[in-house]
Amino acid sequence: MVAFESTPPLAQHYTKIVHDRVHQKISCDQNSRIDDGCQELPVIDLAGLMGDDEDARVKCASQIAAASSEWGFFQIVNHGVNPDLIKQLRKEQIELFKTPFSRKSSCGLLNNSYRWGSPSATTPDNFSWSEAFHIPLIKISDQSCYGEFTSLREVLIGYAAAMQKLAKLLAEVLIKNLGQKLGDFEETIKCDETTCFLRLNRYPACPLSAEIFGLVPHTDSDFLTILNQDEVGGLQLIKDSKWVAVKPNKDALIVNIGDLFQAWSNNLYKSVEHKVMANPNVERFSVAYFLCPSYESLIKSCKQPSLYTNFTFAEYRAKVQEDARLFGRKFGLSRFLRS
């Protein structure tokens, strides 16, 4: 169990928000959208994609494209990421978050990327019971970012390289399914270690209410996300207009489509709203990799007529941040729909 002094003062800092959530009844609209069942996402075996059998590669690619259109989420097994690397990263991650809160929040660890709670939160609906390090890949090899956590550096370097390789493989499948070539895509869109991120997440146990969000409902502002989570559970997503809980699979990584691939595919691929519910008894850990482009990259639909206006990633990020500041939430792609 992580020592109390390592946990951010979430309840103390957000007293009114937490109080409102604890005493808030679920609205009829929310209640009608909750599915009590725990569902398993489509599971895709990437061995077929990495082998020499052409039929197996075509079948695997078709499964990836179908899941990206129907669910916006899927799980992958036999993905080529060393299980020992994943285990070592989780061990290092747990040790990192045991650091006293006063040190995590002030010492500049991991490029000063520590964050907790929801700085812009004004209501329970935009408050997250969590803490994280959100690290640019370009900084992962920088020794000055690690302080006493020297062993974490080697693990993160290896994990980031594995994520970059895996993300490129998946992106190539999705791009080819749209009738495009990876080379043509890469001429327009720059996604490399200077633009992508890793996020180390911890969701402390929250005994206050079963309705506290570990992470508020949102879509991801990237092309795709690869998630490595523990077996605690808590991830939920929208499927057929209902919230469904995702059953953890210890052998799988989770992939979800981001807003940029939805726009690029002209809504063929779905960026699905998802959230994490806090657990009242145990903490939860996860690591997310975000395939992001450079800020100047122009996002435009590959099919015509386009549902969206063209926009740069910088313009998209600015609008998301402006909406969060003004309204406490993200509106995302709806801001760029053609009228």
C-alpha atoms as a PDB file:
ATOM      1  CA  MET A   1       0.000   0.000   0.000  1.00  0.00           C
ATOM      2  CA  VAL A   2       1.304   3.442  -0.948  1.00  0.00           C
ATOM      3  CA  ALA A   3       1.907   5.711   2.019  1.00  0.00           C
ATOM      4  CA  PHE A   4      -0.720   8.410   2.589  1.00  0.00           C
ATOM      5  CA  GLU A   5       1.801  11.235   2.338  1.00  0.00           C
ATOM      6  CA  SER A   6       2.476  10.233  -1.265  1.00  0.00           C
ATOM      7  CA  THR A   7      -1.157  10.828  -2.278  1.00  0.00           C
ATOM      8  CA  PRO A   8      -2.173  14.277  -3.580  1.00  0.00           C
ATOM      9  CA  PRO A   9      -4.531  16.216  -1.269  1.00  0.00           C
ATOM     10  CA  LEU A  10      -7.447  15.624  -3.645  1.00  0.00           C
ATOM     11  CA  ALA A  11     -10.271  15.664  -1.101  1.00  0.00           C
ATOM     12  CA  GLN A  12      -8.840  18.638   0.778  1.00  0.00           C
ATOM     13  CA  HIS A  13      -8.110  20.766  -2.292  1.00  0.00           C
ATOM     14  CA  TYR A  14     -11.401  20.015  -4.052  1.00  0.00           C
ATOM     15  CA  THR A  15     -13.612  19.878  -0.938  1.00  0.00           C
ATOM     16  CA  LYS A  16     -16.756  21.357  -2.488  1.00  0.00           C
ATOM     17  CA  ILE A  17     -16.482  19.341  -5.722  1.00  0.00           C
ATOM     18  CA  VAL A  18     -15.972  16.070  -3.863  1.00  0.00           C
ATOM     19  CA  HIS A  19     -18.797  16.923  -1.429  1.00  0.00           C
ATOM     20  CA  ASP A  20     -21.139  17.668  -4.334  1.00  0.00           C
ATOM     21  CA  ARG A  21     -20.284  14.391  -6.046  1.00  0.00           C
ATOM     22  CA  VAL A  22     -20.730  12.328  -2.882  1.00  0.00           C
ATOM     23  CA  HIS A  23     -24.185  13.806  -2.328  1.00  0.00           C
ATOM     24  CA  GLN A  24     -25.200  14.002  -5.957  1.00  0.00           C
ATOM     25  CA  LYS A  25     -27.801  11.604  -7.309  1.00  0.00           C
ATOM     26  CA  ILE A  26     -27.188  10.150 -10.743  1.00  0.00           C
ATOM     27  CA  SER A  27     -29.479  11.843 -13.229  1.00  0.00           C
ATOM     28  CA  CYS A  28     -32.030   9.800 -15.114  1.00  0.00           C
ATOM     29  CA  ASP A  29     -30.127  10.433 -18.331  1.00  0.00           C
ATOM     30  CA  GLN A  30     -26.872   9.114 -16.883  1.00  0.00           C
ATOM     31  CA  ASN A  31     -28.623   6.141 -15.312  1.00  0.00           C
ATOM     32  CA  SER A  32     -30.193   5.106 -18.602  1.00  0.00           C
ATOM     33  CA  ARG A  33     -26.751   4.994 -20.205  1.00  0.00           C
ATOM     34  CA  ILE A  34     -25.081   2.693 -17.677  1.00  0.00           C
ATOM     35  CA  ASP A  35     -24.595  -0.977 -18.540  1.00  0.00           C
ATOM     36  CA  ASP A  36     -23.821  -3.012 -15.439  1.00  0.00           C
ATOM     37  CA  GLY A  37     -22.119  -5.740 -17.469  1.00  0.00           C
ATOM     38  CA  CYS A  38     -18.350  -5.935 -17.924  1.00  0.00           C
ATOM     39  CA  GLN A  39     -17.506  -6.452 -21.592  1.00  0.00           C
ATOM     40  CA  GLU A  40     -14.403  -7.707 -23.296  1.00  0.00           C
ATOM     41  CA  LEU A  41     -13.202  -5.587 -26.183  1.00  0.00           C
ATOM     42  CA  PRO A  42     -12.401  -7.211 -29.529  1.00  0.00           C
ATOM     43  CA  VAL A  43      -9.130  -9.135 -29.122  1.00  0.00           C
ATOM     44  CA  ILE A  44      -6.809  -9.081 -32.135  1.00  0.00           C
ATOM     45  CA  ASP A  45      -3.795 -11.380 -32.389  1.00  0.00           C
ATOM     46  CA  LEU A  46      -1.001  -9.382 -34.025  1.00  0.00           C
ATOM     47  CA  ALA A  47       0.971 -12.548 -34.752  1.00  0.00           C
ATOM     48  CA  GLY A  48      -0.925 -12.678 -38.026  1.00  0.00           C
ATOM     49  CA  LEU A  49       0.192  -9.182 -38.944  1.00  0.00           C
ATOM     50  CA  MET A  50       3.845  -9.876 -38.168  1.00  0.00           C
ATOM     51  CA  GLY A  51       4.131 -13.248 -39.908  1.00  0.00           C
ATOM     52  CA  ASP A  52       4.821 -14.281 -43.503  1.00  0.00           C
ATOM     53  CA  ASP A  53       1.331 -15.577 -44.297  1.00  0.00           C
ATOM     54  CA  GLU A  54      -0.300 -13.016 -46.586  1.00  0.00           C
ATOM     55  CA  ASP A  55      -3.824 -14.259 -45.852  1.00  0.00           C
ATOM     56  CA  ALA A  56      -3.188 -13.960 -42.118  1.00  0.00           C
ATOM     57  CA  ARG A  57      -1.875 -10.399 -42.550  1.00  0.00           C
ATOM     58  CA  VAL A  58      -4.912  -9.382 -44.575  1.00  0.00           C
ATOM     59  CA  LYS A  59      -7.263 -10.944 -42.019  1.00  0.00           C
ATOM     60  CA  CYS A  60      -5.535  -9.209 -39.097  1.00  0.00           C
ATOM     61  CA  ALA A  61      -5.547  -5.838 -40.874  1.00  0.00           C
ATOM     62  CA  SER A  62      -9.246  -6.265 -41.625  1.00  0.00           C
ATOM     63  CA  GLN A  63      -9.951  -6.982 -37.939  1.00  0.00           C
ATOM     64  CA  ILE A  64      -8.082  -3.834 -36.874  1.00  0.00           C
ATOM     65  CA  ALA A  65      -9.990  -1.669 -39.364  1.00  0.00           C
ATOM     66  CA  ALA A  66     -13.342  -3.189 -38.370  1.00  0.00           C
ATOM     67  CA  ALA A  67     -12.744  -2.700 -34.631  1.00  0.00           C
ATOM     68  CA  SER A  68     -11.623   0.889 -35.252  1.00  0.00           C
ATOM     69  CA  SER A  69     -14.891   1.585 -37.066  1.00  0.00           C
ATOM     70  CA  GLU A  70     -17.304  -0.362 -34.861  1.00  0.00           C
ATOM     71  CA  TRP A  71     -15.798   0.145 -31.399  1.00  0.00           C
ATOM     72  CA  GLY A  72     -13.010   2.718 -31.645  1.00  0.00           C
ATOM     73  CA  PHE A  73     -11.277   0.444 -29.116  1.00  0.00           C
ATOM     74  CA  PHE A  74      -9.665  -2.986 -29.332  1.00  0.00           C
ATOM     75  CA  GLN A  75      -7.187  -5.186 -27.500  1.00  0.00           C
ATOM     76  CA  ILE A  76      -4.017  -6.642 -29.003  1.00  0.00           C
ATOM     77  CA  VAL A  77      -2.119  -9.762 -27.965  1.00  0.00           C
ATOM     78  CA  ASN A  78       1.171 -11.123 -29.323  1.00  0.00           C
ATOM     79  CA  HIS A  79       2.067  -7.490 -29.903  1.00  0.00           C
ATOM     80  CA  GLY A  80       5.832  -7.952 -29.658  1.00  0.00           C
ATOM     81  CA  VAL A  81       6.360  -5.889 -26.494  1.00  0.00           C
ATOM     82  CA  ASN A  82       8.454  -7.883 -24.028  1.00  0.00           C
ATOM     83  CA  PRO A  83       6.282  -8.905 -21.018  1.00  0.00           C
ATOM     84  CA  ASP A  84       9.301  -8.495 -18.734  1.00  0.00           C
ATOM     85  CA  LEU A  85       9.639  -4.881 -19.887  1.00  0.00           C
ATOM     86  CA  ILE A  86       5.987  -4.253 -19.040  1.00  0.00           C
ATOM     87  CA  LYS A  87       6.400  -5.825 -15.586  1.00  0.00           C
ATOM     88  CA  GLN A  88       9.546  -3.818 -14.894  1.00  0.00           C
ATOM     89  CA  LEU A  89       7.850  -0.595 -15.931  1.00  0.00           C
ATOM     90  CA  ARG A  90       4.954  -1.267 -13.555  1.00  0.00           C
ATOM     91  CA  LYS A  91       7.393  -1.919 -10.711  1.00  0.00           C
ATOM     92  CA  GLU A  92       9.266   1.322 -11.428  1.00  0.00           C
ATOM     93  CA  GLN A  93       6.003   3.228 -11.782  1.00  0.00           C
ATOM     94  CA  ILE A  94       4.765   2.118  -8.369  1.00  0.00           C
ATOM     95  CA  GLU A  95       8.041   3.156  -6.762  1.00  0.00           C
ATOM     96  CA  LEU A  96       7.904   6.537  -8.498  1.00  0.00           C
ATOM     97  CA  PHE A  97       4.426   7.312  -7.187  1.00  0.00           C
ATOM     98  CA  LYS A  98       5.447   6.365  -3.648  1.00  0.00           C
ATOM     99  CA  THR A  99       7.499   9.559  -3.632  1.00  0.00           C
ATOM    100  CA  PRO A 100       6.076  12.088  -1.146  1.00  0.00           C
ATOM    101  CA  PHE A 101       3.592  14.435  -2.762  1.00  0.00           C
ATOM    102  CA  SER A 102       5.637  17.483  -1.754  1.00  0.00           C
ATOM    103  CA  ARG A 103       8.571  16.173  -3.782  1.00  0.00           C
ATOM    104  CA  LYS A 104       6.590  14.970  -6.813  1.00  0.00           C
ATOM    105  CA  SER A 105       4.866  18.312  -7.144  1.00  0.00           C
ATOM    106  CA  SER A 106       7.941  20.517  -6.819  1.00  0.00           C
ATOM    107  CA  CYS A 107      11.220  18.793  -7.709  1.00  0.00           C
ATOM    108  CA  GLY A 108      11.018  18.807 -11.512  1.00  0.00           C
ATOM    109  CA  LEU A 109      10.957  15.019 -11.960  1.00  0.00           C
ATOM    110  CA  LEU A 110      10.451  13.776 -15.539  1.00  0.00           C
ATOM    111  CA  ASN A 111      10.644  17.183 -17.165  1.00  0.00           C
ATOM    112  CA  ASN A 112       8.493  18.727 -14.417  1.00  0.00           C
ATOM    113  CA  SER A 113       5.535  16.837 -15.906  1.00  0.00           C
ATOM    114  CA  TYR A 114       3.720  15.892 -12.695  1.00  0.00           C
ATOM    115  CA  ARG A 115       0.036  16.762 -12.489  1.00  0.00           C
ATOM    116  CA  TRP A 116      -2.825  15.880 -10.155  1.00  0.00           C
ATOM    117  CA  GLY A 117      -6.537  16.496  -9.880  1.00  0.00           C
ATOM    118  CA  SER A 118      -8.184  18.873 -12.344  1.00  0.00           C
ATOM    119  CA  PRO A 119      -6.943  22.482 -12.165  1.00  0.00           C
ATOM    120  CA  SER A 120      -9.878  23.788 -14.237  1.00  0.00           C
ATOM    121  CA  ALA A 121     -12.562  21.733 -12.439  1.00  0.00           C
ATOM    122  CA  THR A 122     -15.561  23.657 -11.119  1.00  0.00           C
ATOM    123  CA  THR A 123     -18.105  20.810 -10.914  1.00  0.00           C
ATOM    124  CA  PRO A 124     -17.957  17.070 -10.135  1.00  0.00           C
ATOM    125  CA  ASP A 125     -18.406  16.275 -13.831  1.00  0.00           C
ATOM    126  CA  ASN A 126     -14.981  17.716 -14.734  1.00  0.00           C
ATOM    127  CA  PHE A 127     -13.007  16.507 -11.729  1.00  0.00           C
ATOM    128  CA  SER A 128     -10.504  13.586 -11.919  1.00  0.00           C
ATOM    129  CA  TRP A 129      -9.292  11.630  -8.866  1.00  0.00           C
ATOM    130  CA  SER A 130      -5.815  10.848 -10.207  1.00  0.00           C
ATOM    131  CA  GLU A 131      -2.191  11.861 -10.558  1.00  0.00           C
ATOM    132  CA  ALA A 132       0.184  11.451 -13.486  1.00  0.00           C
ATOM    133  CA  PHE A 133       3.493  12.207 -15.156  1.00  0.00           C
ATOM    134  CA  HIS A 134       2.919  13.316 -18.778  1.00  0.00           C
ATOM    135  CA  ILE A 135       6.323  12.967 -20.439  1.00  0.00           C
ATOM    136  CA  PRO A 136       7.422  14.085 -23.927  1.00  0.00           C
ATOM    137  CA  LEU A 137       9.302  11.208 -25.555  1.00  0.00           C
ATOM    138  CA  ILE A 138      12.108  13.590 -26.475  1.00  0.00           C
ATOM    139  CA  LYS A 139      12.855  14.003 -22.746  1.00  0.00           C
ATOM    140  CA  ILE A 140      12.864  10.323 -21.810  1.00  0.00           C
ATOM    141  CA  SER A 141      16.590   9.845 -22.459  1.00  0.00           C
ATOM    142  CA  ASP A 142      17.533  13.016 -20.554  1.00  0.00           C
ATOM    143  CA  GLN A 143      19.379  11.897 -17.403  1.00  0.00           C
ATOM    144  CA  SER A 144      18.654  15.158 -15.630  1.00  0.00           C
ATOM    145  CA  CYS A 145      14.933  14.307 -15.541  1.00  0.00           C
ATOM    146  CA  TYR A 146      15.235  11.313 -13.221  1.00  0.00           C
ATOM    147  CA  GLY A 147      16.837  12.393  -9.971  1.00  0.00           C
ATOM    148  CA  GLU A 148      17.316   9.283  -7.826  1.00  0.00           C
ATOM    149  CA  PHE A 149      15.133   7.170 -10.162  1.00  0.00           C
ATOM    150  CA  THR A 150      18.033   6.160 -12.392  1.00  0.00           C
ATOM    151  CA  SER A 151      16.719   2.664 -13.168  1.00  0.00           C
ATOM    152  CA  LEU A 152      13.460   4.129 -14.480  1.00  0.00           C
ATOM    153  CA  ARG A 153      15.302   5.811 -17.355  1.00  0.00           C
ATOM    154  CA  GLU A 154      16.453   2.609 -19.049  1.00  0.00           C
ATOM    155  CA  VAL A 155      13.007   1.045 -18.705  1.00  0.00           C
ATOM    156  CA  LEU A 156      11.232   4.080 -20.151  1.00  0.00           C
ATOM    157  CA  ILE A 157      13.655   4.301 -23.059  1.00  0.00           C
ATOM    158  CA  GLY A 158      12.951   0.666 -23.952  1.00  0.00           C
ATOM    159  CA  TYR A 159       9.205   1.009 -23.500  1.00  0.00           C
ATOM    160  CA  ALA A 160       8.974   4.212 -25.541  1.00  0.00           C
ATOM    161  CA  ALA A 161      10.877   2.583 -28.419  1.00  0.00           C
ATOM    162  CA  ALA A 162       8.533  -0.413 -28.321  1.00  0.00           C
ATOM    163  CA  MET A 163       5.478   1.870 -28.359  1.00  0.00           C
ATOM    164  CA  GLN A 164       6.815   3.896 -31.285  1.00  0.00           C
ATOM    165  CA  LYS A 165       7.359   0.728 -33.309  1.00  0.00           C
ATOM    166  CA  LEU A 166       3.955  -0.706 -32.437  1.00  0.00           C
ATOM    167  CA  ALA A 167       2.101   2.550 -33.085  1.00  0.00           C
ATOM    168  CA  LYS A 168       3.697   2.878 -36.534  1.00  0.00           C
ATOM    169  CA  LEU A 169       2.632  -0.678 -37.387  1.00  0.00           C
ATOM    170  CA  LEU A 170      -0.968  -0.025 -36.359  1.00  0.00           C
ATOM    171  CA  ALA A 171      -1.092   3.392 -38.036  1.00  0.00           C
ATOM    172  CA  GLU A 172       0.176   1.886 -41.287  1.00  0.00           C
ATOM    173  CA  VAL A 173      -2.662  -0.654 -41.259  1.00  0.00           C
ATOM    174  CA  LEU A 174      -5.255   2.056 -40.660  1.00  0.00           C
ATOM    175  CA  ILE A 175      -3.776   4.350 -43.307  1.00  0.00           C
ATOM    176  CA  LYS A 176      -3.602   1.608 -45.958  1.00  0.00           C
ATOM    177  CA  ASN A 177      -7.223   0.712 -45.223  1.00  0.00           C
ATOM    178  CA  LEU A 178      -8.107   4.268 -46.271  1.00  0.00           C
ATOM    179  CA  GLY A 179      -6.405   3.689 -49.629  1.00  0.00           C
ATOM    180  CA  GLN A 180      -3.324   5.718 -48.714  1.00  0.00           C
ATOM    181  CA  LYS A 181       0.376   4.940 -48.470  1.00  0.00           C
ATOM    182  CA  LEU A 182       2.288   5.405 -45.223  1.00  0.00           C
ATOM    183  CA  GLY A 183       4.953   7.429 -47.056  1.00  0.00           C
ATOM    184  CA  ASP A 184       2.382   9.900 -48.362  1.00  0.00           C
ATOM    185  CA  PHE A 185       0.903  10.249 -44.870  1.00  0.00           C
ATOM    186  CA  GLU A 186       4.335  10.847 -43.329  1.00  0.00           C
ATOM    187  CA  GLU A 187       5.071  13.591 -45.869  1.00  0.00           C
ATOM    188  CA  THR A 188       2.156  15.544 -44.383  1.00  0.00           C
ATOM    189  CA  ILE A 189       2.109  14.359 -40.776  1.00  0.00           C
ATOM    190  CA  LYS A 190       5.172  14.253 -38.510  1.00  0.00           C
ATOM    191  CA  CYS A 191       4.816  11.778 -35.628  1.00  0.00           C
ATOM    192  CA  ASP A 192       8.080  10.922 -33.882  1.00  0.00           C
ATOM    193  CA  GLU A 193       9.836  11.156 -30.517  1.00  0.00           C
ATOM    194  CA  THR A 194       9.659  14.957 -30.687  1.00  0.00           C
ATOM    195  CA  THR A 195       5.836  14.955 -30.851  1.00  0.00           C
ATOM    196  CA  CYS A 196       4.607  11.887 -28.907  1.00  0.00           C
ATOM    197  CA  PHE A 197       4.071  11.332 -25.184  1.00  0.00           C
ATOM    198  CA  LEU A 198       3.993   8.718 -22.433  1.00  0.00           C
ATOM    199  CA  ARG A 199       1.703   9.232 -19.465  1.00  0.00           C
ATOM    200  CA  LEU A 200       2.236   7.333 -16.209  1.00  0.00           C
ATOM    201  CA  ASN A 201      -1.068   7.268 -14.302  1.00  0.00           C
ATOM    202  CA  ARG A 202      -2.003   6.458 -10.742  1.00  0.00           C
ATOM    203  CA  TYR A 203      -5.608   6.433  -9.532  1.00  0.00           C
ATOM    204  CA  PRO A 204      -5.575   6.412  -5.705  1.00  0.00           C
ATOM    205  CA  ALA A 205      -8.259   4.454  -3.877  1.00  0.00           C
ATOM    206  CA  CYS A 206     -11.269   6.719  -3.325  1.00  0.00           C
ATOM    207  CA  PRO A 207     -13.531   5.591  -0.474  1.00  0.00           C
ATOM    208  CA  LEU A 208     -15.751   8.680  -0.727  1.00  0.00           C
ATOM    209  CA  SER A 209     -18.128   7.688  -3.523  1.00  0.00           C
ATOM    210  CA  ALA A 210     -18.561   5.166  -6.308  1.00  0.00           C
ATOM    211  CA  GLU A 211     -19.396   8.078  -8.599  1.00  0.00           C
ATOM    212  CA  ILE A 212     -16.032   9.855  -8.442  1.00  0.00           C
ATOM    213  CA  PHE A 213     -14.220   9.884 -11.773  1.00  0.00           C
ATOM    214  CA  GLY A 214     -10.644   8.676 -11.814  1.00  0.00           C
ATOM    215  CA  LEU A 215     -10.512  10.345 -15.227  1.00  0.00           C
ATOM    216  CA  VAL A 216     -13.401  12.384 -16.591  1.00  0.00           C
ATOM    217  CA  PRO A 217     -15.231  11.342 -19.780  1.00  0.00           C
ATOM    218  CA  HIS A 218     -13.218  12.452 -22.793  1.00  0.00           C
ATOM    219  CA  THR A 219     -11.858  11.534 -26.196  1.00  0.00           C
ATOM    220  CA  ASP A 220      -8.135  11.542 -26.981  1.00  0.00           C
ATOM    221  CA  SER A 221      -6.628  14.439 -28.951  1.00  0.00           C
ATOM    222  CA  ASP A 222      -4.223  12.293 -30.974  1.00  0.00           C
ATOM    223  CA  PHE A 223      -4.183   9.726 -33.780  1.00  0.00           C
ATOM    224  CA  LEU A 224      -4.179   6.684 -31.520  1.00  0.00           C
ATOM    225  CA  THR A 225      -3.443   5.680 -27.937  1.00  0.00           C
ATOM    226  CA  ILE A 226      -1.900   2.456 -26.628  1.00  0.00           C
ATOM    227  CA  LEU A 227      -2.792   1.652 -23.023  1.00  0.00           C
ATOM    228  CA  ASN A 228      -1.081  -0.754 -20.656  1.00  0.00           C
ATOM    229  CA  GLN A 229      -3.295  -1.158 -17.563  1.00  0.00           C
ATOM    230  CA  ASP A 230      -3.265  -3.329 -14.459  1.00  0.00           C
ATOM    231  CA  GLU A 231      -6.059  -5.752 -13.525  1.00  0.00           C
ATOM    232  CA  VAL A 232      -7.992  -3.458 -11.176  1.00  0.00           C
ATOM    233  CA  GLY A 233     -10.455  -2.298 -13.825  1.00  0.00           C
ATOM    234  CA  GLY A 234     -12.360   0.973 -13.979  1.00  0.00           C
ATOM    235  CA  LEU A 235     -12.056   1.833 -17.676  1.00  0.00           C
ATOM    236  CA  GLN A 236     -15.425   2.432 -19.323  1.00  0.00           C
ATOM    237  CA  LEU A 237     -16.407   3.510 -22.833  1.00  0.00           C
ATOM    238  CA  ILE A 238     -19.500   4.416 -24.802  1.00  0.00           C
ATOM    239  CA  LYS A 239     -20.888   1.584 -26.933  1.00  0.00           C
ATOM    240  CA  ASP A 240     -24.362   1.763 -28.488  1.00  0.00           C
ATOM    241  CA  SER A 241     -25.149   4.859 -26.399  1.00  0.00           C
ATOM    242  CA  LYS A 242     -24.335   3.092 -23.114  1.00  0.00           C
ATOM    243  CA  TRP A 243     -21.374   3.157 -20.780  1.00  0.00           C
ATOM    244  CA  VAL A 244     -19.809  -0.299 -20.708  1.00  0.00           C
ATOM    245  CA  ALA A 245     -17.051  -1.425 -18.362  1.00  0.00           C
ATOM    246  CA  VAL A 246     -13.975  -2.951 -19.981  1.00  0.00           C
ATOM    247  CA  LYS A 247     -12.879  -6.297 -18.567  1.00  0.00           C
ATOM    248  CA  PRO A 248      -9.117  -6.203 -17.892  1.00  0.00           C
ATOM    249  CA  ASN A 249      -6.955  -8.671 -19.842  1.00  0.00           C
ATOM    250  CA  LYS A 250      -3.507  -9.133 -18.332  1.00  0.00           C
ATOM    251  CA  ASP A 251      -2.045 -10.354 -21.636  1.00  0.00           C
ATOM    252  CA  ALA A 252      -3.338  -7.518 -23.795  1.00  0.00           C
ATOM    253  CA  LEU A 253      -2.666  -3.896 -24.570  1.00  0.00           C
ATOM    254  CA  ILE A 254      -5.623  -1.649 -25.342  1.00  0.00           C
ATOM    255  CA  VAL A 255      -5.654   0.549 -28.455  1.00  0.00           C
ATOM    256  CA  ASN A 256      -8.107   3.364 -29.045  1.00  0.00           C
ATOM    257  CA  ILE A 257      -8.646   5.712 -31.933  1.00  0.00           C
ATOM    258  CA  GLY A 258      -8.096   9.417 -31.301  1.00  0.00           C
ATOM    259  CA  ASP A 259      -9.839  12.493 -32.672  1.00  0.00           C
ATOM    260  CA  LEU A 260      -7.274  13.044 -35.413  1.00  0.00           C
ATOM    261  CA  PHE A 261      -7.783   9.632 -37.022  1.00  0.00           C
ATOM    262  CA  GLN A 262     -11.547  10.175 -36.876  1.00  0.00           C
ATOM    263  CA  ALA A 263     -11.136  13.453 -38.761  1.00  0.00           C
ATOM    264  CA  TRP A 264      -8.522  12.024 -41.145  1.00  0.00           C
ATOM    265  CA  SER A 265     -10.776   9.051 -41.976  1.00  0.00           C
ATOM    266  CA  ASN A 266     -13.823  11.294 -42.389  1.00  0.00           C
ATOM    267  CA  ASN A 267     -15.576   9.467 -39.530  1.00  0.00           C
ATOM    268  CA  LEU A 268     -14.799   5.948 -40.762  1.00  0.00           C
ATOM    269  CA  TYR A 269     -12.796   5.392 -37.578  1.00  0.00           C
ATOM    270  CA  LYS A 270     -14.401   6.370 -34.282  1.00  0.00           C
ATOM    271  CA  SER A 271     -12.836   8.368 -31.457  1.00  0.00           C
ATOM    272  CA  VAL A 272     -14.989   7.103 -28.600  1.00  0.00           C
ATOM    273  CA  GLU A 273     -15.701   8.844 -25.323  1.00  0.00           C
ATOM    274  CA  HIS A 274     -14.226   6.958 -22.363  1.00  0.00           C
ATOM    275  CA  LYS A 275     -13.570   7.452 -18.669  1.00  0.00           C
ATOM    276  CA  VAL A 276     -12.051   5.811 -15.606  1.00  0.00           C
ATOM    277  CA  MET A 277     -14.084   5.269 -12.445  1.00  0.00           C
ATOM    278  CA  ALA A 278     -12.188   5.488  -9.164  1.00  0.00           C
ATOM    279  CA  ASN A 279     -12.037   2.330  -7.056  1.00  0.00           C
ATOM    280  CA  PRO A 280     -13.081   2.668  -3.388  1.00  0.00           C
ATOM    281  CA  ASN A 281     -10.615   0.069  -2.107  1.00  0.00           C
ATOM    282  CA  VAL A 282      -7.517  -0.231  -4.282  1.00  0.00           C
ATOM    283  CA  GLU A 283      -5.304   2.016  -6.368  1.00  0.00           C
ATOM    284  CA  ARG A 284      -5.012   1.552 -10.134  1.00  0.00           C
ATOM    285  CA  PHE A 285      -2.003   2.030 -12.413  1.00  0.00           C
ATOM    286  CA  SER A 286      -1.747   2.444 -16.160  1.00  0.00           C
ATOM    287  CA  VAL A 287       0.653   3.739 -18.809  1.00  0.00           C
ATOM    288  CA  ALA A 288      -0.643   5.450 -21.947  1.00  0.00           C
ATOM    289  CA  TYR A 289       1.275   6.191 -25.143  1.00  0.00           C
ATOM    290  CA  PHE A 290      -0.093   8.967 -27.370  1.00  0.00           C
ATOM    291  CA  LEU A 291       0.681   9.092 -31.102  1.00  0.00           C
ATOM    292  CA  CYS A 292       0.602  12.860 -31.648  1.00  0.00           C
ATOM    293  CA  PRO A 293       1.720  14.914 -34.656  1.00  0.00           C
ATOM    294  CA  SER A 294       3.755  18.103 -34.726  1.00  0.00           C
ATOM    295  CA  TYR A 295       1.794  21.267 -34.035  1.00  0.00           C
ATOM    296  CA  GLU A 296       2.133  22.455 -37.633  1.00  0.00           C
ATOM    297  CA  SER A 297       0.779  19.193 -39.098  1.00  0.00           C
ATOM    298  CA  LEU A 298      -2.333  19.800 -41.198  1.00  0.00           C
ATOM    299  CA  ILE A 299      -5.230  17.477 -40.395  1.00  0.00           C
ATOM    300  CA  LYS A 300      -7.515  16.973 -43.372  1.00  0.00           C
ATOM    301  CA  SER A 301     -10.008  14.286 -44.275  1.00  0.00           C
ATOM    302  CA  CYS A 302      -8.796  11.719 -46.788  1.00  0.00           C
ATOM    303  CA  LYS A 303     -12.265  11.410 -48.330  1.00  0.00           C
ATOM    304  CA  GLN A 304     -14.410  14.026 -50.022  1.00  0.00           C
ATOM    305  CA  PRO A 305     -16.726  15.685 -49.348  1.00  0.00           C
ATOM    306  CA  SER A 306     -15.043  16.278 -46.021  1.00  0.00           C
ATOM    307  CA  LEU A 307     -17.117  16.483 -42.867  1.00  0.00           C
ATOM    308  CA  TYR A 308     -14.498  18.706 -41.233  1.00  0.00           C
ATOM    309  CA  THR A 309     -12.645  21.873 -42.067  1.00  0.00           C
ATOM    310  CA  ASN A 310      -8.868  21.524 -42.347  1.00  0.00           C
ATOM    311  CA  PHE A 311      -7.001  22.405 -39.161  1.00  0.00           C
ATOM    312  CA  THR A 312      -3.514  22.180 -37.757  1.00  0.00           C
ATOM    313  CA  PHE A 313      -2.844  20.225 -34.599  1.00  0.00           C
ATOM    314  CA  ALA A 314      -1.887  23.527 -32.945  1.00  0.00           C
ATOM    315  CA  GLU A 315      -5.300  24.985 -33.793  1.00  0.00           C
ATOM    316  CA  TYR A 316      -7.024  21.901 -32.450  1.00  0.00           C
ATOM    317  CA  ARG A 317      -5.089  21.915 -29.178  1.00  0.00           C
ATOM    318  CA  ALA A 318      -5.729  25.634 -28.726  1.00  0.00           C
ATOM    319  CA  LYS A 319      -9.483  25.178 -29.161  1.00  0.00           C
ATOM    320  CA  VAL A 320      -9.564  22.225 -26.751  1.00  0.00           C
ATOM    321  CA  GLN A 321      -7.675  24.228 -24.136  1.00  0.00           C
ATOM    322  CA  GLU A 322      -9.864  27.299 -24.659  1.00  0.00           C
ATOM    323  CA  ASP A 323     -13.045  25.248 -24.184  1.00  0.00           C
ATOM    324  CA  ALA A 324     -11.640  23.626 -21.053  1.00  0.00           C
ATOM    325  CA  ARG A 325     -10.851  27.056 -19.633  1.00  0.00           C
ATOM    326  CA  LEU A 326     -14.193  28.638 -20.539  1.00  0.00           C
ATOM    327  CA  PHE A 327     -16.594  25.725 -20.118  1.00  0.00           C
ATOM    328  CA  GLY A 328     -14.710  23.164 -18.039  1.00  0.00           C
ATOM    329  CA  ARG A 329     -14.942  20.511 -20.746  1.00  0.00           C
ATOM    330  CA  LYS A 330     -13.746  19.497 -24.201  1.00  0.00           C
ATOM    331  CA  PHE A 331     -15.937  19.794 -27.305  1.00  0.00           C
ATOM    332  CA  GLY A 332     -13.273  18.477 -29.674  1.00  0.00           C
ATOM    333  CA  LEU A 333     -14.100  17.679 -33.289  1.00  0.00           C
ATOM    334  CA  SER A 334     -17.565  19.215 -33.147  1.00  0.00           C
ATOM    335  CA  ARG A 335     -15.837  22.611 -33.260  1.00  0.00           C
ATOM    336  CA  PHE A 336     -14.453  21.796 -36.715  1.00  0.00           C
ATOM    337  CA  LEU A 337     -17.522  20.321 -38.404  1.00  0.00           C
ATOM    338  CA  ARG A 338     -18.478  21.972 -41.675  1.00  0.00           C
ATOM    339  CA  SER A 339     -21.748  23.857 -41.431  1.00  0.00           C
END
